[in-house]
Amino acid sequence: DLNEKRTLPFESNTLSAVTIALSVQYLSYPEEITAEIARVLQPGGSCIVSFSNRMFPSKAIYGWRGRSEAQRLLLVAKYFQNCANFETTELIDKTTPL
């Protein structure tokens, strides 16, 4: 549970990639976790975050619940842009237009 223990059980600079699948909206300390991901990634490593338009409103952070899909994408990008260890952030929106 990264909301209770905000460290990853890996040595620094050991992973080439990290994924966050369908759970970023539940992180109480997303910028701390982003910094922790940067710590464990090898130079040039990647972090891939995916999320859908579904969530458990009682568990999602307040800052997530009131945002649109596009705003959520920008919020996740901001987590990484605020972490000095990530040089670039690529956003890929797979939302199906209505």
PDB file of N, CA and C in Angstrom:
ATOM      1  N   ASP A   1       0.841  -1.177   0.000  1.00  0.00           N
ATOM      2  CA  ASP A   1       0.000   0.000   0.000  1.00  0.00           C
ATOM      3  C   ASP A   1       0.888   1.244   0.000  1.00  0.00           C
ATOM      4  N   LEU A   2       0.980   1.911  -1.133  1.00  0.00           N
ATOM      5  CA  LEU A   2       1.853   3.082  -1.258  1.00  0.00           C
ATOM      6  C   LEU A   2       1.306   4.311  -0.545  1.00  0.00           C
ATOM      7  N   ASN A   3       0.092   4.251  -0.062  1.00  0.00           N
ATOM      8  CA  ASN A   3      -0.415   5.352   0.744  1.00  0.00           C
ATOM      9  C   ASN A   3       0.072   5.255   2.186  1.00  0.00           C
ATOM     10  N   GLU A   4       0.449   4.057   2.609  1.00  0.00           N
ATOM     11  CA  GLU A   4       0.972   3.871   3.962  1.00  0.00           C
ATOM     12  C   GLU A   4       2.493   3.888   3.976  1.00  0.00           C
ATOM     13  N   LYS A   5       3.108   3.134   3.095  1.00  0.00           N
ATOM     14  CA  LYS A   5       4.567   3.068   3.008  1.00  0.00           C
ATOM     15  C   LYS A   5       4.966   3.578   1.629  1.00  0.00           C
ATOM     16  N   ARG A   6       5.503   4.784   1.587  1.00  0.00           N
ATOM     17  CA  ARG A   6       5.735   5.454   0.311  1.00  0.00           C
ATOM     18  C   ARG A   6       7.127   5.209  -0.256  1.00  0.00           C
ATOM     19  N   THR A   7       7.629   4.007  -0.062  1.00  0.00           N
ATOM     20  CA  THR A   7       8.905   3.632  -0.666  1.00  0.00           C
ATOM     21  C   THR A   7       8.728   2.330  -1.429  1.00  0.00           C
ATOM     22  N   LEU A   8       9.446   2.209  -2.520  1.00  0.00           N
ATOM     23  CA  LEU A   8       9.413   0.984  -3.312  1.00  0.00           C
ATOM     24  C   LEU A   8      10.540   0.066  -2.862  1.00  0.00           C
ATOM     25  N   PRO A   9      10.304  -1.234  -2.835  1.00  0.00           N
ATOM     26  CA  PRO A   9      11.296  -2.180  -2.301  1.00  0.00           C
ATOM     27  C   PRO A   9      12.384  -2.549  -3.312  1.00  0.00           C
ATOM     28  N   PHE A  10      12.972  -1.540  -3.948  1.00  0.00           N
ATOM     29  CA  PHE A  10      14.011  -1.765  -4.955  1.00  0.00           C
ATOM     30  C   PHE A  10      15.169  -0.816  -4.697  1.00  0.00           C
ATOM     31  N   GLU A  11      16.349  -1.249  -5.074  1.00  0.00           N
ATOM     32  CA  GLU A  11      17.526  -0.388  -4.980  1.00  0.00           C
ATOM     33  C   GLU A  11      17.407   0.743  -6.003  1.00  0.00           C
ATOM     34  N   SER A  12      18.133   1.803  -5.791  1.00  0.00           N
ATOM     35  CA  SER A  12      18.140   2.923  -6.732  1.00  0.00           C
ATOM     36  C   SER A  12      18.712   2.506  -8.077  1.00  0.00           C
ATOM     37  N   ASN A  13      18.169   3.076  -9.144  1.00  0.00           N
ATOM     38  CA  ASN A  13      18.669   2.882 -10.508  1.00  0.00           C
ATOM     39  C   ASN A  13      18.693   1.415 -10.937  1.00  0.00           C
ATOM     40  N   THR A  14      17.675   0.638 -10.584  1.00  0.00           N
ATOM     41  CA  THR A  14      17.695  -0.781 -10.917  1.00  0.00           C
ATOM     42  C   THR A  14      16.639  -1.214 -11.921  1.00  0.00           C
ATOM     43  N   LEU A  15      15.604  -0.413 -12.139  1.00  0.00           N
ATOM     44  CA  LEU A  15      14.524  -0.836 -13.027  1.00  0.00           C
ATOM     45  C   LEU A  15      14.551  -0.047 -14.332  1.00  0.00           C
ATOM     46  N   SER A  16      14.288  -0.721 -15.427  1.00  0.00           N
ATOM     47  CA  SER A  16      14.235  -0.027 -16.722  1.00  0.00           C
ATOM     48  C   SER A  16      12.849   0.543 -16.989  1.00  0.00           C
ATOM     49  N   ALA A  17      11.830   0.027 -16.321  1.00  0.00           N
ATOM     50  CA  ALA A  17      10.469   0.531 -16.502  1.00  0.00           C
ATOM     51  C   ALA A  17       9.634   0.276 -15.254  1.00  0.00           C
ATOM     52  N   VAL A  18       8.671   1.150 -15.048  1.00  0.00           N
ATOM     53  CA  VAL A  18       7.695   1.035 -13.968  1.00  0.00           C
ATOM     54  C   VAL A  18       6.331   1.306 -14.583  1.00  0.00           C
ATOM     55  N   THR A  19       5.330   0.544 -14.163  1.00  0.00           N
ATOM     56  CA  THR A  19       3.971   0.807 -14.632  1.00  0.00           C
ATOM     57  C   THR A  19       3.049   1.081 -13.447  1.00  0.00           C
ATOM     58  N   ILE A  20       2.091   1.946 -13.692  1.00  0.00           N
ATOM     59  CA  ILE A  20       1.011   2.199 -12.737  1.00  0.00           C
ATOM     60  C   ILE A  20      -0.265   1.964 -13.525  1.00  0.00           C
ATOM     61  N   ALA A  21      -0.965   0.910 -13.204  1.00  0.00           N
ATOM     62  CA  ALA A  21      -2.154   0.547 -13.972  1.00  0.00           C
ATOM     63  C   ALA A  21      -3.413   0.688 -13.119  1.00  0.00           C
ATOM     64  N   LEU A  22      -4.269   1.591 -13.528  1.00  0.00           N
ATOM     65  CA  LEU A  22      -5.604   1.743 -12.932  1.00  0.00           C
ATOM     66  C   LEU A  22      -5.584   2.029 -11.435  1.00  0.00           C
ATOM     67  N   SER A  23      -4.575   2.763 -10.981  1.00  0.00           N
ATOM     68  CA  SER A  23      -4.522   3.045  -9.547  1.00  0.00           C
ATOM     69  C   SER A  23      -3.997   4.431  -9.202  1.00  0.00           C
ATOM     70  N   VAL A  24      -3.555   5.197 -10.163  1.00  0.00           N
ATOM     71  CA  VAL A  24      -2.985   6.515  -9.862  1.00  0.00           C
ATOM     72  C   VAL A  24      -3.992   7.416  -9.145  1.00  0.00           C
ATOM     73  N   GLN A  25      -5.274   7.231  -9.422  1.00  0.00           N
ATOM     74  CA  GLN A  25      -6.306   8.064  -8.813  1.00  0.00           C
ATOM     75  C   GLN A  25      -6.488   7.802  -7.324  1.00  0.00           C
ATOM     76  N   TYR A  26      -5.876   6.747  -6.816  1.00  0.00           N
ATOM     77  CA  TYR A  26      -6.002   6.401  -5.397  1.00  0.00           C
ATOM     78  C   TYR A  26      -4.767   6.781  -4.581  1.00  0.00           C
ATOM     79  N   LEU A  27      -3.759   7.347  -5.220  1.00  0.00           N
ATOM     80  CA  LEU A  27      -2.537   7.714  -4.506  1.00  0.00           C
ATOM     81  C   LEU A  27      -2.747   9.005  -3.719  1.00  0.00           C
ATOM     82  N   SER A  28      -2.594   8.932  -2.417  1.00  0.00           N
ATOM     83  CA  SER A  28      -2.738  10.117  -1.570  1.00  0.00           C
ATOM     84  C   SER A  28      -1.539  11.049  -1.672  1.00  0.00           C
ATOM     85  N   TYR A  29      -0.387  10.506  -2.050  1.00  0.00           N
ATOM     86  CA  TYR A  29       0.850  11.282  -2.145  1.00  0.00           C
ATOM     87  C   TYR A  29       1.495  11.048  -3.516  1.00  0.00           C
ATOM     88  N   PRO A  30       0.831  11.429  -4.585  1.00  0.00           N
ATOM     89  CA  PRO A  30       1.321  11.074  -5.918  1.00  0.00           C
ATOM     90  C   PRO A  30       2.691  11.653  -6.272  1.00  0.00           C
ATOM     91  N   GLU A  31       2.992  12.847  -5.811  1.00  0.00           N
ATOM     92  CA  GLU A  31       4.292  13.418  -6.156  1.00  0.00           C
ATOM     93  C   GLU A  31       5.423  12.734  -5.394  1.00  0.00           C
ATOM     94  N   GLU A  32       5.175  12.289  -4.190  1.00  0.00           N
ATOM     95  CA  GLU A  32       6.190  11.514  -3.459  1.00  0.00           C
ATOM     96  C   GLU A  32       6.428  10.175  -4.155  1.00  0.00           C
ATOM     97  N   ILE A  33       5.366   9.559  -4.623  1.00  0.00           N
ATOM     98  CA  ILE A  33       5.500   8.276  -5.320  1.00  0.00           C
ATOM     99  C   ILE A  33       6.230   8.478  -6.646  1.00  0.00           C
ATOM    100  N   THR A  34       5.944   9.576  -7.330  1.00  0.00           N
ATOM    101  CA  THR A  34       6.645   9.877  -8.582  1.00  0.00           C
ATOM    102  C   THR A  34       8.141  10.032  -8.331  1.00  0.00           C
ATOM    103  N   ALA A  35       8.508  10.702  -7.264  1.00  0.00           N
ATOM    104  CA  ALA A  35       9.926  10.845  -6.920  1.00  0.00           C
ATOM    105  C   ALA A  35      10.540   9.492  -6.583  1.00  0.00           C
ATOM    106  N   GLU A  36       9.783   8.638  -5.928  1.00  0.00           N
ATOM    107  CA  GLU A  36      10.269   7.292  -5.593  1.00  0.00           C
ATOM    108  C   GLU A  36      10.462   6.463  -6.866  1.00  0.00           C
ATOM    109  N   ILE A  37       9.558   6.609  -7.818  1.00  0.00           N
ATOM    110  CA  ILE A  37       9.707   5.924  -9.108  1.00  0.00           C
ATOM    111  C   ILE A  37      10.980   6.408  -9.796  1.00  0.00           C
ATOM    112  N   ALA A  38      11.202   7.709  -9.780  1.00  0.00           N
ATOM    113  CA  ALA A  38      12.423   8.253 -10.383  1.00  0.00           C
ATOM    114  C   ALA A  38      13.665   7.674  -9.716  1.00  0.00           C
ATOM    115  N   ARG A  39      13.600   7.451  -8.428  1.00  0.00           N
ATOM    116  CA  ARG A  39      14.748   6.894  -7.700  1.00  0.00           C
ATOM    117  C   ARG A  39      15.098   5.490  -8.178  1.00  0.00           C
ATOM    118  N   VAL A  40      14.096   4.655  -8.401  1.00  0.00           N
ATOM    119  CA  VAL A  40      14.377   3.255  -8.748  1.00  0.00           C
ATOM    120  C   VAL A  40      14.629   3.042 -10.242  1.00  0.00           C
ATOM    121  N   LEU A  41      14.249   4.021 -11.072  1.00  0.00           N
ATOM    122  CA  LEU A  41      14.466   3.857 -12.513  1.00  0.00           C
ATOM    123  C   LEU A  41      15.925   4.072 -12.889  1.00  0.00           C
ATOM    124  N   GLN A  42      16.376   3.291 -13.836  1.00  0.00           N
ATOM    125  CA  GLN A  42      17.690   3.500 -14.420  1.00  0.00           C
ATOM    126  C   GLN A  42      17.649   4.774 -15.257  1.00  0.00           C
ATOM    127  N   PRO A  43      18.788   5.411 -15.486  1.00  0.00           N
ATOM    128  CA  PRO A  43      18.793   6.575 -16.381  1.00  0.00           C
ATOM    129  C   PRO A  43      18.182   6.191 -17.733  1.00  0.00           C
ATOM    130  N   GLY A  44      17.279   7.025 -18.212  1.00  0.00           N
ATOM    131  CA  GLY A  44      16.595   6.742 -19.462  1.00  0.00           C
ATOM    132  C   GLY A  44      15.416   5.801 -19.328  1.00  0.00           C
ATOM    133  N   GLY A  45      15.110   5.349 -18.109  1.00  0.00           N
ATOM    134  CA  GLY A  45      13.994   4.438 -17.885  1.00  0.00           C
ATOM    135  C   GLY A  45      12.651   5.128 -18.092  1.00  0.00           C
ATOM    136  N   SER A  46      11.609   4.321 -18.153  1.00  0.00           N
ATOM    137  CA  SER A  46      10.268   4.847 -18.435  1.00  0.00           C
ATOM    138  C   SER A  46       9.287   4.476 -17.335  1.00  0.00           C
ATOM    139  N   CYS A  47       8.320   5.335 -17.160  1.00  0.00           N
ATOM    140  CA  CYS A  47       7.174   5.036 -16.303  1.00  0.00           C
ATOM    141  C   CYS A  47       5.929   5.200 -17.157  1.00  0.00           C
ATOM    142  N   ILE A  48       5.119   4.180 -17.200  1.00  0.00           N
ATOM    143  CA  ILE A  48       3.892   4.201 -17.978  1.00  0.00           C
ATOM    144  C   ILE A  48       2.715   4.169 -17.010  1.00  0.00           C
ATOM    145  N   VAL A  49       1.843   5.151 -17.131  1.00  0.00           N
ATOM    146  CA  VAL A  49       0.675   5.259 -16.266  1.00  0.00           C
ATOM    147  C   VAL A  49      -0.567   5.107 -17.135  1.00  0.00           C
ATOM    148  N   SER A  50      -1.441   4.201 -16.749  1.00  0.00           N
ATOM    149  CA  SER A  50      -2.706   4.061 -17.468  1.00  0.00           C
ATOM    150  C   SER A  50      -3.853   4.165 -16.475  1.00  0.00           C
ATOM    151  N   PHE A  51      -4.945   4.750 -16.943  1.00  0.00           N
ATOM    152  CA  PHE A  51      -6.144   4.838 -16.114  1.00  0.00           C
ATOM    153  C   PHE A  51      -7.357   4.905 -17.026  1.00  0.00           C
ATOM    154  N   SER A  52      -8.494   4.574 -16.468  1.00  0.00           N
ATOM    155  CA  SER A  52      -9.729   4.597 -17.245  1.00  0.00           C
ATOM    156  C   SER A  52     -10.654   5.674 -16.682  1.00  0.00           C
ATOM    157  N   ASN A  53     -11.845   5.750 -17.231  1.00  0.00           N
ATOM    158  CA  ASN A  53     -12.811   6.722 -16.730  1.00  0.00           C
ATOM    159  C   ASN A  53     -13.620   6.163 -15.559  1.00  0.00           C
ATOM    160  N   ARG A  54     -13.256   4.997 -15.097  1.00  0.00           N
ATOM    161  CA  ARG A  54     -13.948   4.383 -13.961  1.00  0.00           C
ATOM    162  C   ARG A  54     -13.111   4.524 -12.701  1.00  0.00           C
ATOM    163  N   MET A  55     -13.800   4.598 -11.570  1.00  0.00           N
ATOM    164  CA  MET A  55     -13.105   4.698 -10.287  1.00  0.00           C
ATOM    165  C   MET A  55     -14.086   4.366  -9.176  1.00  0.00           C
ATOM    166  N   PHE A  56     -13.544   4.160  -7.996  1.00  0.00           N
ATOM    167  CA  PHE A  56     -14.351   4.058  -6.786  1.00  0.00           C
ATOM    168  C   PHE A  56     -14.333   5.446  -6.156  1.00  0.00           C
ATOM    169  N   PRO A  57     -15.404   6.223  -6.296  1.00  0.00           N
ATOM    170  CA  PRO A  57     -15.387   7.601  -5.785  1.00  0.00           C
ATOM    171  C   PRO A  57     -15.021   7.711  -4.311  1.00  0.00           C
ATOM    172  N   SER A  58     -15.376   6.721  -3.527  1.00  0.00           N
ATOM    173  CA  SER A  58     -15.055   6.779  -2.100  1.00  0.00           C
ATOM    174  C   SER A  58     -13.565   6.586  -1.831  1.00  0.00           C
ATOM    175  N   LYS A  59     -12.833   6.072  -2.807  1.00  0.00           N
ATOM    176  CA  LYS A  59     -11.399   5.822  -2.634  1.00  0.00           C
ATOM    177  C   LYS A  59     -10.519   6.805  -3.401  1.00  0.00           C
ATOM    178  N   ALA A  60     -11.039   7.378  -4.493  1.00  0.00           N
ATOM    179  CA  ALA A  60     -10.245   8.295  -5.313  1.00  0.00           C
ATOM    180  C   ALA A  60     -10.005   9.598  -4.558  1.00  0.00           C
ATOM    181  N   ILE A  61      -8.839  10.193  -4.792  1.00  0.00           N
ATOM    182  CA  ILE A  61      -8.523  11.458  -4.130  1.00  0.00           C
ATOM    183  C   ILE A  61      -9.459  12.552  -4.630  1.00  0.00           C
ATOM    184  N   TYR A  62      -9.666  13.537  -3.800  1.00  0.00           N
ATOM    185  CA  TYR A  62     -10.576  14.642  -4.130  1.00  0.00           C
ATOM    186  C   TYR A  62     -10.181  15.315  -5.446  1.00  0.00           C
ATOM    187  N   GLY A  63      -8.893  15.548  -5.641  1.00  0.00           N
ATOM    188  CA  GLY A  63      -8.410  16.221  -6.834  1.00  0.00           C
ATOM    189  C   GLY A  63      -8.669  15.460  -8.120  1.00  0.00           C
ATOM    190  N   TRP A  64      -9.020  14.201  -8.025  1.00  0.00           N
ATOM    191  CA  TRP A  64      -9.312  13.366  -9.190  1.00  0.00           C
ATOM    192  C   TRP A  64     -10.797  13.388  -9.522  1.00  0.00           C
ATOM    193  N   ARG A  65     -11.607  13.301  -8.497  1.00  0.00           N
ATOM    194  CA  ARG A  65     -13.060  13.132  -8.688  1.00  0.00           C
ATOM    195  C   ARG A  65     -13.702  14.279  -9.450  1.00  0.00           C
ATOM    196  N   GLY A  66     -13.268  15.494  -9.236  1.00  0.00           N
ATOM    197  CA  GLY A  66     -13.905  16.645  -9.855  1.00  0.00           C
ATOM    198  C   GLY A  66     -13.361  17.034 -11.209  1.00  0.00           C
ATOM    199  N   ARG A  67     -12.440  16.255 -11.745  1.00  0.00           N
ATOM    200  CA  ARG A  67     -11.818  16.611 -13.019  1.00  0.00           C
ATOM    201  C   ARG A  67     -12.393  15.805 -14.178  1.00  0.00           C
ATOM    202  N   SER A  68     -12.296  16.404 -15.370  1.00  0.00           N
ATOM    203  CA  SER A  68     -12.672  15.696 -16.596  1.00  0.00           C
ATOM    204  C   SER A  68     -11.541  14.739 -16.975  1.00  0.00           C
ATOM    205  N   GLU A  69     -11.774  13.911 -17.965  1.00  0.00           N
ATOM    206  CA  GLU A  69     -10.730  12.974 -18.426  1.00  0.00           C
ATOM    207  C   GLU A  69      -9.483  13.738 -18.874  1.00  0.00           C
ATOM    208  N   ALA A  70      -9.679  14.795 -19.643  1.00  0.00           N
ATOM    209  CA  ALA A  70      -8.534  15.583 -20.120  1.00  0.00           C
ATOM    210  C   ALA A  70      -7.790  16.230 -18.958  1.00  0.00           C
ATOM    211  N   GLN A  71      -8.521  16.722 -17.976  1.00  0.00           N
ATOM    212  CA  GLN A  71      -7.883  17.326 -16.815  1.00  0.00           C
ATOM    213  C   GLN A  71      -7.127  16.291 -15.983  1.00  0.00           C
ATOM    214  N   ARG A  72      -7.627  15.088 -15.928  1.00  0.00           N
ATOM    215  CA  ARG A  72      -6.933  14.016 -15.205  1.00  0.00           C
ATOM    216  C   ARG A  72      -5.615  13.683 -15.880  1.00  0.00           C
ATOM    217  N   LEU A  73      -5.624  13.648 -17.195  1.00  0.00           N
ATOM    218  CA  LEU A  73      -4.395  13.387 -17.948  1.00  0.00           C
ATOM    219  C   LEU A  73      -3.355  14.460 -17.638  1.00  0.00           C
ATOM    220  N   LEU A  74      -3.784  15.709 -17.622  1.00  0.00           N
ATOM    221  CA  LEU A  74      -2.864  16.802 -17.309  1.00  0.00           C
ATOM    222  C   LEU A  74      -2.389  16.752 -15.865  1.00  0.00           C
ATOM    223  N   LEU A  75      -3.249  16.291 -14.957  1.00  0.00           N
ATOM    224  CA  LEU A  75      -2.861  16.151 -13.554  1.00  0.00           C
ATOM    225  C   LEU A  75      -1.743  15.128 -13.400  1.00  0.00           C
ATOM    226  N   VAL A  76      -1.897  13.984 -14.047  1.00  0.00           N
ATOM    227  CA  VAL A  76      -0.856  12.949 -13.974  1.00  0.00           C
ATOM    228  C   VAL A  76       0.442  13.471 -14.600  1.00  0.00           C
ATOM    229  N   ALA A  77       0.328  14.177 -15.711  1.00  0.00           N
ATOM    230  CA  ALA A  77       1.521  14.753 -16.335  1.00  0.00           C
ATOM    231  C   ALA A  77       2.213  15.718 -15.375  1.00  0.00           C
ATOM    232  N   LYS A  78       1.425  16.484 -14.640  1.00  0.00           N
ATOM    233  CA  LYS A  78       1.988  17.445 -13.681  1.00  0.00           C
ATOM    234  C   LYS A  78       2.795  16.742 -12.600  1.00  0.00           C
ATOM    235  N   TYR A  79       2.334  15.578 -12.147  1.00  0.00           N
ATOM    236  CA  TYR A  79       3.101  14.828 -11.149  1.00  0.00           C
ATOM    237  C   TYR A  79       4.527  14.586 -11.640  1.00  0.00           C
ATOM    238  N   PHE A  80       4.657  14.215 -12.892  1.00  0.00           N
ATOM    239  CA  PHE A  80       5.973  13.901 -13.451  1.00  0.00           C
ATOM    240  C   PHE A  80       6.759  15.161 -13.801  1.00  0.00           C
ATOM    241  N   GLN A  81       6.080  16.183 -14.287  1.00  0.00           N
ATOM    242  CA  GLN A  81       6.753  17.433 -14.620  1.00  0.00           C
ATOM    243  C   GLN A  81       7.301  18.117 -13.378  1.00  0.00           C
ATOM    244  N   ASN A  82       6.662  17.907 -12.243  1.00  0.00           N
ATOM    245  CA  ASN A  82       7.128  18.496 -10.987  1.00  0.00           C
ATOM    246  C   ASN A  82       8.301  17.730 -10.381  1.00  0.00           C
ATOM    247  N   CYS A  83       8.611  16.589 -10.923  1.00  0.00           N
ATOM    248  CA  CYS A  83       9.741  15.778 -10.448  1.00  0.00           C
ATOM    249  C   CYS A  83      10.932  16.057 -11.364  1.00  0.00           C
ATOM    250  N   ALA A  84      11.981  16.633 -10.814  1.00  0.00           N
ATOM    251  CA  ALA A  84      13.128  17.054 -11.624  1.00  0.00           C
ATOM    252  C   ALA A  84      13.808  15.897 -12.353  1.00  0.00           C
ATOM    253  N   ASN A  85      13.610  14.669 -11.906  1.00  0.00           N
ATOM    254  CA  ASN A  85      14.307  13.533 -12.502  1.00  0.00           C
ATOM    255  C   ASN A  85      13.714  13.084 -13.832  1.00  0.00           C
ATOM    256  N   PHE A  86      12.532  13.552 -14.176  1.00  0.00           N
ATOM    257  CA  PHE A  86      11.924  13.173 -15.448  1.00  0.00           C
ATOM    258  C   PHE A  86      12.130  14.303 -16.441  1.00  0.00           C
ATOM    259  N   GLU A  87      12.844  13.998 -17.528  1.00  0.00           N
ATOM    260  CA  GLU A  87      13.172  15.029 -18.510  1.00  0.00           C
ATOM    261  C   GLU A  87      12.007  15.345 -19.436  1.00  0.00           C
ATOM    262  N   THR A  88      11.262  14.320 -19.847  1.00  0.00           N
ATOM    263  CA  THR A  88      10.158  14.534 -20.779  1.00  0.00           C
ATOM    264  C   THR A  88       8.924  13.782 -20.298  1.00  0.00           C
ATOM    265  N   THR A  89       7.791  14.305 -20.684  1.00  0.00           N
ATOM    266  CA  THR A  89       6.517  13.659 -20.382  1.00  0.00           C
ATOM    267  C   THR A  89       5.744  13.557 -21.689  1.00  0.00           C
ATOM    268  N   GLU A  90       5.362  12.361 -22.057  1.00  0.00           N
ATOM    269  CA  GLU A  90       4.582  12.149 -23.263  1.00  0.00           C
ATOM    270  C   GLU A  90       3.160  11.758 -22.855  1.00  0.00           C
ATOM    271  N   LEU A  91       2.188  12.472 -23.384  1.00  0.00           N
ATOM    272  CA  LEU A  91       0.790  12.200 -23.082  1.00  0.00           C
ATOM    273  C   LEU A  91       0.147  11.532 -24.277  1.00  0.00           C
ATOM    274  N   ILE A  92      -0.520  10.425 -24.023  1.00  0.00           N
ATOM    275  CA  ILE A  92      -1.241   9.717 -25.072  1.00  0.00           C
ATOM    276  C   ILE A  92      -2.683   9.547 -24.604  1.00  0.00           C
ATOM    277  N   ASP A  93      -3.586  10.228 -25.266  1.00  0.00           N
ATOM    278  CA  ASP A  93      -4.995  10.187 -24.904  1.00  0.00           C
ATOM    279  C   ASP A  93      -5.708   9.190 -25.804  1.00  0.00           C
ATOM    280  N   LYS A  94      -6.187   8.125 -25.223  1.00  0.00           N
ATOM    281  CA  LYS A  94      -6.907   7.087 -25.979  1.00  0.00           C
ATOM    282  C   LYS A  94      -8.405   7.171 -25.744  1.00  0.00           C
ATOM    283  N   THR A  95      -8.880   8.322 -25.285  1.00  0.00           N
ATOM    284  CA  THR A  95     -10.299   8.511 -25.056  1.00  0.00           C
ATOM    285  C   THR A  95     -11.041   8.445 -26.381  1.00  0.00           C
ATOM    286  N   THR A  96     -12.120   7.708 -26.409  1.00  0.00           N
ATOM    287  CA  THR A  96     -12.949   7.635 -27.599  1.00  0.00           C
ATOM    288  C   THR A  96     -13.877   8.840 -27.629  1.00  0.00           C
ATOM    289  N   PRO A  97     -13.820   9.626 -28.702  1.00  0.00           N
ATOM    290  CA  PRO A  97     -14.718  10.794 -28.779  1.00  0.00           C
ATOM    291  C   PRO A  97     -16.187  10.349 -28.767  1.00  0.00           C
ATOM    292  N   LEU A  98     -17.015  11.147 -28.118  1.00  0.00           N
ATOM    293  CA  LEU A  98     -18.443  10.854 -28.072  1.00  0.00           C
ATOM    294  C   LEU A  98     -19.124  11.245 -29.361  1.00  0.00           C
TER     295      LEU A  98
END
